[in-house]
Each structure stands twice: as structure tokens, then as C-alpha cells.
Amino acid sequence: MLVLSRRESQRIRLGDSITVTVVRVNGDKVRLGIEAPPEVRVLRDELSPHEIAVAADQAGVAQPAFAPAPAPTSLAV
């Protein structure tokens, strides 16, 4: 896991199309702003799979099947 320190108004870029901005820090709470393309689902980790399905159903969004991430490969030198 990569751990970064950021201050208010500072950003982190994920790839070419996702930006995470520290909007506000208030004590032990941090407010983040996330800019991402519409096809990228941004979800809070504490949501249960049931809550995610209900929210998607209410929004009329089809549930994609999640597959495990591919195993990393090494490059031969």
C-alpha cells in the first residue's frame, strides 16, 4: 500500500482520469473530493454488498460482475 501525506487543497492523481483532492481537514476527519469519469464507480469501503446493490438498483445501474485483479507479472531483462 502506498501511503501519502497531503494538506488541504492538495491532490493525488490516479492514472490519467482520476483526481482525489483533500477538500478539508477537521480534527480526525478528512473530506475528499473525487473527480472520475462516469463509468468509474466510486464507493465507500464500509458499504456492504447488499447496500451497494440496493443503491445501484435505485439508480437504475446494472451491477457489473467483479473479477479478481490479475496477478502481477515480472518483466524479463
N, C-alpha and C. Protein backbone atom coordinates (compact mmCIF):
# COMPACT_ATOMS: atom_id res chain seq x y z
N MET A 1 0.84 -1.17 0.00
CA MET A 1 0.00 0.00 0.00
C MET A 1 0.89 1.24 0.00
N LEU A 2 0.59 2.15 -0.87
CA LEU A 2 1.29 3.44 -0.92
C LEU A 2 0.58 4.39 0.04
N VAL A 3 1.32 5.02 0.93
CA VAL A 3 0.75 5.97 1.89
C VAL A 3 1.34 7.34 1.59
N LEU A 4 0.46 8.33 1.37
CA LEU A 4 0.90 9.68 1.04
C LEU A 4 0.35 10.67 2.06
N SER A 5 1.09 11.72 2.32
CA SER A 5 0.61 12.82 3.17
C SER A 5 0.22 13.96 2.26
N ARG A 6 -0.93 14.56 2.52
CA ARG A 6 -1.41 15.69 1.74
C ARG A 6 -2.01 16.71 2.69
N ARG A 7 -2.01 17.96 2.29
CA ARG A 7 -2.64 19.03 3.05
C ARG A 7 -3.88 19.48 2.30
N GLU A 8 -4.69 20.32 2.95
CA GLU A 8 -5.88 20.83 2.29
C GLU A 8 -5.53 21.42 0.93
N SER A 9 -6.39 21.17 -0.03
CA SER A 9 -6.28 21.64 -1.42
C SER A 9 -5.25 20.88 -2.24
N GLN A 10 -4.49 19.99 -1.65
CA GLN A 10 -3.54 19.21 -2.43
C GLN A 10 -4.24 18.01 -3.05
N ARG A 11 -3.67 17.51 -4.14
CA ARG A 11 -4.32 16.45 -4.92
C ARG A 11 -3.43 15.24 -5.09
N ILE A 12 -4.09 14.15 -5.42
CA ILE A 12 -3.42 12.91 -5.81
C ILE A 12 -4.06 12.47 -7.11
N ARG A 13 -3.24 12.11 -8.09
CA ARG A 13 -3.75 11.63 -9.38
C ARG A 13 -3.63 10.12 -9.45
N LEU A 14 -4.69 9.48 -9.91
CA LEU A 14 -4.70 8.03 -10.13
C LEU A 14 -4.87 7.81 -11.62
N GLY A 15 -3.80 7.45 -12.27
CA GLY A 15 -3.86 7.31 -13.72
C GLY A 15 -4.06 8.67 -14.36
N ASP A 16 -4.67 8.66 -15.55
CA ASP A 16 -4.88 9.90 -16.29
C ASP A 16 -6.23 10.55 -16.03
N SER A 17 -7.17 9.81 -15.42
CA SER A 17 -8.53 10.33 -15.38
C SER A 17 -9.15 10.46 -13.99
N ILE A 18 -8.42 10.16 -12.93
CA ILE A 18 -9.00 10.24 -11.59
C ILE A 18 -8.13 11.15 -10.73
N THR A 19 -8.78 12.10 -10.06
CA THR A 19 -8.10 13.02 -9.16
C THR A 19 -8.79 13.00 -7.80
N VAL A 20 -8.01 12.87 -6.74
CA VAL A 20 -8.53 12.93 -5.37
C VAL A 20 -7.96 14.19 -4.74
N THR A 21 -8.86 15.06 -4.24
CA THR A 21 -8.45 16.33 -3.63
C THR A 21 -8.82 16.33 -2.16
N VAL A 22 -7.89 16.76 -1.30
CA VAL A 22 -8.21 16.95 0.11
C VAL A 22 -8.95 18.28 0.21
N VAL A 23 -10.26 18.20 0.44
CA VAL A 23 -11.09 19.40 0.48
C VAL A 23 -10.98 20.09 1.84
N ARG A 24 -11.05 19.29 2.92
CA ARG A 24 -10.99 19.88 4.25
C ARG A 24 -10.50 18.86 5.26
N VAL A 25 -9.73 19.34 6.23
CA VAL A 25 -9.30 18.51 7.36
C VAL A 25 -9.86 19.19 8.60
N ASN A 26 -10.62 18.42 9.40
CA ASN A 26 -11.24 18.96 10.60
C ASN A 26 -11.04 17.95 11.73
N GLY A 27 -10.01 18.14 12.53
CA GLY A 27 -9.71 17.18 13.60
C GLY A 27 -9.29 15.85 13.00
N ASP A 28 -10.03 14.79 13.35
CA ASP A 28 -9.68 13.46 12.83
C ASP A 28 -10.48 13.09 11.59
N LYS A 29 -11.18 14.07 11.01
CA LYS A 29 -11.97 13.80 9.80
C LYS A 29 -11.37 14.52 8.60
N VAL A 30 -11.40 13.83 7.48
CA VAL A 30 -10.88 14.38 6.23
C VAL A 30 -11.98 14.32 5.19
N ARG A 31 -12.24 15.42 4.51
CA ARG A 31 -13.23 15.44 3.44
C ARG A 31 -12.47 15.41 2.12
N LEU A 32 -12.80 14.43 1.28
CA LEU A 32 -12.14 14.25 -0.01
C LEU A 32 -13.09 14.57 -1.14
N GLY A 33 -12.56 15.14 -2.20
CA GLY A 33 -13.30 15.32 -3.44
C GLY A 33 -12.69 14.40 -4.47
N ILE A 34 -13.54 13.68 -5.21
CA ILE A 34 -13.05 12.71 -6.19
C ILE A 34 -13.62 13.06 -7.55
N GLU A 35 -12.73 13.29 -8.51
CA GLU A 35 -13.13 13.53 -9.89
C GLU A 35 -12.78 12.29 -10.68
N ALA A 36 -13.80 11.68 -11.30
CA ALA A 36 -13.58 10.45 -12.06
C ALA A 36 -14.58 10.40 -13.20
N PRO A 37 -14.25 9.68 -14.27
CA PRO A 37 -15.20 9.53 -15.37
C PRO A 37 -16.46 8.83 -14.89
N PRO A 38 -17.59 9.05 -15.55
CA PRO A 38 -18.86 8.46 -15.11
C PRO A 38 -18.85 6.93 -15.09
N GLU A 39 -18.02 6.31 -15.89
CA GLU A 39 -18.00 4.84 -15.92
C GLU A 39 -17.22 4.24 -14.75
N VAL A 40 -16.56 5.07 -13.96
CA VAL A 40 -15.81 4.59 -12.80
C VAL A 40 -16.70 4.72 -11.56
N ARG A 41 -16.99 3.60 -10.92
CA ARG A 41 -17.81 3.62 -9.71
C ARG A 41 -16.91 3.97 -8.53
N VAL A 42 -17.36 4.95 -7.75
CA VAL A 42 -16.64 5.36 -6.55
C VAL A 42 -17.54 5.03 -5.37
N LEU A 43 -17.09 4.11 -4.52
CA LEU A 43 -17.90 3.64 -3.40
C LEU A 43 -17.11 3.71 -2.10
N ARG A 44 -17.82 3.98 -1.01
CA ARG A 44 -17.19 3.91 0.31
C ARG A 44 -16.97 2.44 0.65
N ASP A 45 -15.85 2.13 1.22
CA ASP A 45 -15.49 0.75 1.52
C ASP A 45 -16.39 0.12 2.57
N GLU A 46 -16.96 0.92 3.47
CA GLU A 46 -17.77 0.35 4.54
C GLU A 46 -19.16 -0.09 4.09
N LEU A 47 -19.55 0.21 2.86
CA LEU A 47 -20.85 -0.24 2.36
C LEU A 47 -20.83 -1.75 2.16
N SER A 48 -21.90 -2.39 2.58
CA SER A 48 -22.00 -3.84 2.38
C SER A 48 -22.37 -4.12 0.93
N PRO A 49 -22.11 -5.31 0.42
CA PRO A 49 -22.52 -5.65 -0.94
C PRO A 49 -24.02 -5.46 -1.15
N HIS A 50 -24.82 -5.73 -0.12
CA HIS A 50 -26.27 -5.54 -0.24
C HIS A 50 -26.61 -4.06 -0.43
N GLU A 51 -25.99 -3.18 0.36
CA GLU A 51 -26.24 -1.75 0.24
C GLU A 51 -25.81 -1.23 -1.13
N ILE A 52 -24.73 -1.75 -1.65
CA ILE A 52 -24.26 -1.34 -2.98
C ILE A 52 -25.27 -1.76 -4.03
N ALA A 53 -25.77 -2.99 -3.94
CA ALA A 53 -26.75 -3.48 -4.91
C ALA A 53 -28.04 -2.68 -4.84
N VAL A 54 -28.50 -2.35 -3.63
CA VAL A 54 -29.74 -1.57 -3.47
C VAL A 54 -29.56 -0.18 -4.07
N ALA A 55 -28.45 0.48 -3.78
CA ALA A 55 -28.20 1.82 -4.30
C ALA A 55 -28.12 1.80 -5.82
N ALA A 56 -27.47 0.80 -6.39
CA ALA A 56 -27.36 0.70 -7.85
C ALA A 56 -28.73 0.44 -8.46
N ASP A 57 -29.53 -0.40 -7.81
CA ASP A 57 -30.87 -0.70 -8.32
C ASP A 57 -31.73 0.55 -8.31
N GLN A 58 -31.65 1.34 -7.25
CA GLN A 58 -32.42 2.57 -7.15
C GLN A 58 -31.98 3.59 -8.19
N ALA A 59 -30.72 3.56 -8.55
CA ALA A 59 -30.19 4.48 -9.55
C ALA A 59 -30.36 3.95 -10.97
N GLY A 60 -30.86 2.71 -11.09
CA GLY A 60 -31.04 2.12 -12.41
C GLY A 60 -29.74 1.72 -13.07
N VAL A 61 -28.76 1.37 -12.27
CA VAL A 61 -27.44 1.00 -12.78
C VAL A 61 -27.30 -0.51 -12.74
N ALA A 62 -26.84 -1.09 -13.83
CA ALA A 62 -26.60 -2.54 -13.87
C ALA A 62 -25.40 -2.86 -13.01
N GLN A 63 -25.47 -3.97 -12.30
CA GLN A 63 -24.37 -4.41 -11.45
C GLN A 63 -23.33 -5.15 -12.27
N PRO A 64 -22.11 -4.63 -12.37
CA PRO A 64 -21.07 -5.37 -13.08
C PRO A 64 -20.59 -6.54 -12.23
N ALA A 65 -20.10 -7.55 -12.90
CA ALA A 65 -19.50 -8.68 -12.18
C ALA A 65 -18.07 -8.30 -11.86
N PHE A 66 -17.68 -8.43 -10.62
CA PHE A 66 -16.33 -8.09 -10.23
C PHE A 66 -15.45 -9.33 -10.32
N ALA A 67 -14.36 -9.21 -11.01
CA ALA A 67 -13.41 -10.31 -11.15
C ALA A 67 -12.17 -9.94 -10.35
N PRO A 68 -11.45 -10.93 -9.85
CA PRO A 68 -10.22 -10.61 -9.12
C PRO A 68 -9.21 -9.95 -10.05
N ALA A 69 -8.40 -9.09 -9.47
CA ALA A 69 -7.38 -8.41 -10.25
C ALA A 69 -6.37 -9.43 -10.77
N PRO A 70 -5.86 -9.21 -11.97
CA PRO A 70 -4.87 -10.15 -12.49
C PRO A 70 -3.60 -10.13 -11.66
N ALA A 71 -2.92 -11.25 -11.60
CA ALA A 71 -1.68 -11.36 -10.85
C ALA A 71 -0.61 -10.52 -11.54
N PRO A 72 0.24 -9.84 -10.76
CA PRO A 72 1.31 -9.04 -11.38
C PRO A 72 2.28 -9.94 -12.13
N THR A 73 2.83 -9.40 -13.18
CA THR A 73 3.81 -10.15 -13.96
C THR A 73 5.15 -9.45 -13.86
N SER A 74 6.21 -10.20 -13.99
CA SER A 74 7.55 -9.60 -13.96
C SER A 74 8.05 -9.47 -15.39
N LEU A 75 8.90 -8.50 -15.58
CA LEU A 75 9.48 -8.27 -16.90
C LEU A 75 10.86 -8.89 -16.95
N ALA A 76 11.12 -9.66 -17.98
CA ALA A 76 12.44 -10.26 -18.15
C ALA A 76 13.40 -9.20 -18.67
N VAL A 77 14.61 -9.20 -18.15
CA VAL A 77 15.60 -8.21 -18.57
C VAL A 77 16.60 -8.85 -19.49
